[in-house]
Amino acid sequence: MLQVVAAIIERFGGILICRRRPDQSHPLQWEFPGGKVEPGESPAAALARELEEELGISGATGDVIARYEFVYPGKPPVDLMFYRVLEFSGDPLNLIFQEMRWAPRDTLGEFDFVEGDRKFLASFLSVRE
């Protein structure tokens, strides 16, 4: 089963969200940065690699805060893992997205997120910290 990692990065009073480009699958929808775990790669290593490729940050580490299986229509199931990223080096830069922003937690429900992130988002928004 394909594994996908997603990063929940909190800074500056907001959570980093990224908008996909028009030429990508799920065009112009929002997501948490991350991506596919490559064969032979651990999810933690994939998280660090994906965030370096997408945001130019290095050494990202964190803890899994949610995990579930999701099936996009017409596709095989995906094992989604959401990490609360606690440490990294550098400042996140937009290297591949249409747009990225630091959104306040209580506004995340206003964005059109990819379907796979919505279950996490509903649970995340229901917990007050």
Protein backbone atom coordinates (compact mmCIF):
# COMPACT_ATOMS: atom_id res chain seq x y z
CA MET A 1 0.00 0.00 0.00
CA LEU A 2 1.24 3.45 -0.89
CA GLN A 3 2.24 5.47 2.17
CA VAL A 4 1.97 9.26 2.25
CA VAL A 5 3.32 11.61 4.91
CA ALA A 6 1.99 15.09 5.67
CA ALA A 7 3.51 17.77 7.88
CA ILE A 8 1.66 19.91 10.39
CA ILE A 9 4.05 22.82 10.95
CA GLU A 10 2.98 25.49 13.43
CA ARG A 11 4.77 28.84 13.58
CA PHE A 12 3.97 32.52 13.63
CA GLY A 13 0.53 31.84 15.11
CA GLY A 14 -0.46 29.74 12.10
CA ILE A 15 -0.20 26.37 10.42
CA LEU A 16 1.57 26.03 7.09
CA ILE A 17 -0.78 25.06 4.27
CA CYS A 18 0.05 24.79 0.59
CA ARG A 19 -2.07 25.13 -2.53
CA ARG A 20 -1.49 22.75 -5.41
CA ARG A 21 -0.74 24.12 -8.87
CA PRO A 22 -3.34 23.99 -11.68
CA ASP A 23 -1.27 21.37 -13.54
CA GLN A 24 -1.21 18.92 -10.60
CA SER A 25 -3.76 16.34 -9.54
CA HIS A 26 -6.36 17.96 -7.26
CA PRO A 27 -5.66 21.33 -8.90
CA LEU A 28 -5.71 24.43 -6.70
CA GLN A 29 -6.78 22.50 -3.61
CA TRP A 30 -5.00 23.02 -0.31
CA GLU A 31 -2.94 20.41 1.50
CA PHE A 32 -0.36 19.99 4.20
CA PRO A 33 3.14 19.67 2.72
CA GLY A 34 4.56 16.17 2.31
CA GLY A 35 4.36 13.33 -0.15
CA LYS A 36 4.88 9.69 -1.01
CA VAL A 37 7.17 7.34 0.87
CA GLU A 38 9.59 5.80 -1.65
CA PRO A 39 10.33 2.04 -1.66
CA GLY A 40 12.87 1.19 1.04
CA GLU A 41 12.40 4.58 2.74
CA SER A 42 11.01 5.03 6.24
CA PRO A 43 8.08 7.43 6.70
CA ALA A 44 10.28 9.66 8.89
CA ALA A 45 12.96 9.81 6.19
CA ALA A 46 10.29 10.56 3.57
CA LEU A 47 8.99 13.42 5.70
CA ALA A 48 12.45 15.01 5.91
CA ARG A 49 13.11 14.49 2.18
CA GLU A 50 9.73 15.80 1.02
CA LEU A 51 9.98 18.93 3.17
CA GLU A 52 13.46 19.62 1.87
CA GLU A 53 12.24 19.24 -1.74
CA GLU A 54 9.05 21.26 -1.27
CA LEU A 55 10.06 23.89 1.30
CA GLY A 56 13.85 23.94 1.36
CA ILE A 57 14.02 23.06 5.06
CA SER A 58 16.29 20.34 6.39
CA GLY A 59 16.31 17.85 9.22
CA ALA A 60 12.55 17.89 9.78
CA THR A 61 11.43 15.56 12.57
CA GLY A 62 8.21 15.05 14.43
CA ASP A 63 5.65 12.68 15.85
CA VAL A 64 2.77 10.93 14.10
CA ILE A 65 -0.44 12.52 15.40
CA ALA A 66 -2.91 10.80 13.06
CA ARG A 67 -2.90 7.88 10.65
CA TYR A 68 -5.61 6.31 8.53
CA GLU A 69 -6.32 4.63 5.24
CA PHE A 70 -7.98 6.69 2.52
CA VAL A 71 -9.24 5.70 -0.92
CA TYR A 72 -9.48 8.26 -3.70
CA PRO A 73 -12.09 7.24 -6.31
CA GLY A 74 -10.60 4.83 -8.84
CA LYS A 75 -7.28 4.53 -6.97
CA PRO A 76 -5.78 1.96 -4.59
CA PRO A 77 -5.89 2.74 -0.84
CA VAL A 78 -3.34 5.15 0.63
CA ASP A 79 -1.91 4.98 4.16
CA LEU A 80 -1.89 8.63 5.30
CA MET A 81 0.37 9.69 8.17
CA PHE A 82 0.19 13.18 9.65
CA TYR A 83 3.24 14.39 11.57
CA ARG A 84 3.42 17.30 13.96
CA VAL A 85 6.78 18.69 12.88
CA LEU A 86 8.68 19.84 15.93
CA GLU A 87 12.14 20.59 14.57
CA PHE A 88 13.77 21.64 11.32
CA SER A 89 16.47 23.97 10.04
CA GLY A 90 15.88 26.91 7.74
CA ASP A 91 12.85 28.97 6.81
CA PRO A 92 10.12 27.37 4.68
CA LEU A 93 10.14 28.64 1.10
CA ASN A 94 7.61 27.96 -1.62
CA LEU A 95 9.56 25.77 -4.05
CA ILE A 96 6.75 23.91 -5.85
CA PHE A 97 3.31 25.18 -4.88
CA GLN A 98 0.89 27.66 -6.41
CA GLU A 99 0.77 29.36 -3.03
CA MET A 100 1.54 28.74 0.62
CA ARG A 101 0.49 30.56 3.76
CA TRP A 102 0.48 30.46 7.52
CA ALA A 103 -3.22 30.10 8.33
CA PRO A 104 -4.60 30.48 11.86
CA ARG A 105 -5.85 27.12 13.13
CA ASP A 106 -9.44 28.36 13.48
CA THR A 107 -9.55 29.35 9.77
CA LEU A 108 -8.43 26.02 8.31
CA GLY A 109 -12.02 24.90 7.75
CA GLU A 110 -12.47 27.75 5.26
CA PHE A 111 -9.99 26.23 2.77
CA ASP A 112 -10.78 23.64 0.08
CA PHE A 113 -8.47 20.82 1.19
CA VAL A 114 -7.79 17.64 -0.78
CA GLU A 115 -10.20 14.88 0.22
CA GLY A 116 -7.55 12.79 1.97
CA ASP A 117 -6.78 15.59 4.45
CA ARG A 118 -10.37 16.33 5.42
CA LYS A 119 -10.82 13.56 8.02
CA PHE A 120 -7.64 14.69 9.75
CA LEU A 121 -8.70 18.31 9.56
CA ALA A 122 -12.11 17.62 11.13
CA SER A 123 -10.47 15.81 14.04
CA PHE A 124 -7.68 18.41 14.39
CA LEU A 125 -10.13 21.29 14.51
CA SER A 126 -12.32 19.58 17.10
CA VAL A 127 -9.43 19.44 19.61
CA ARG A 128 -8.60 22.72 21.35
CA GLU A 129 -5.06 23.09 22.57
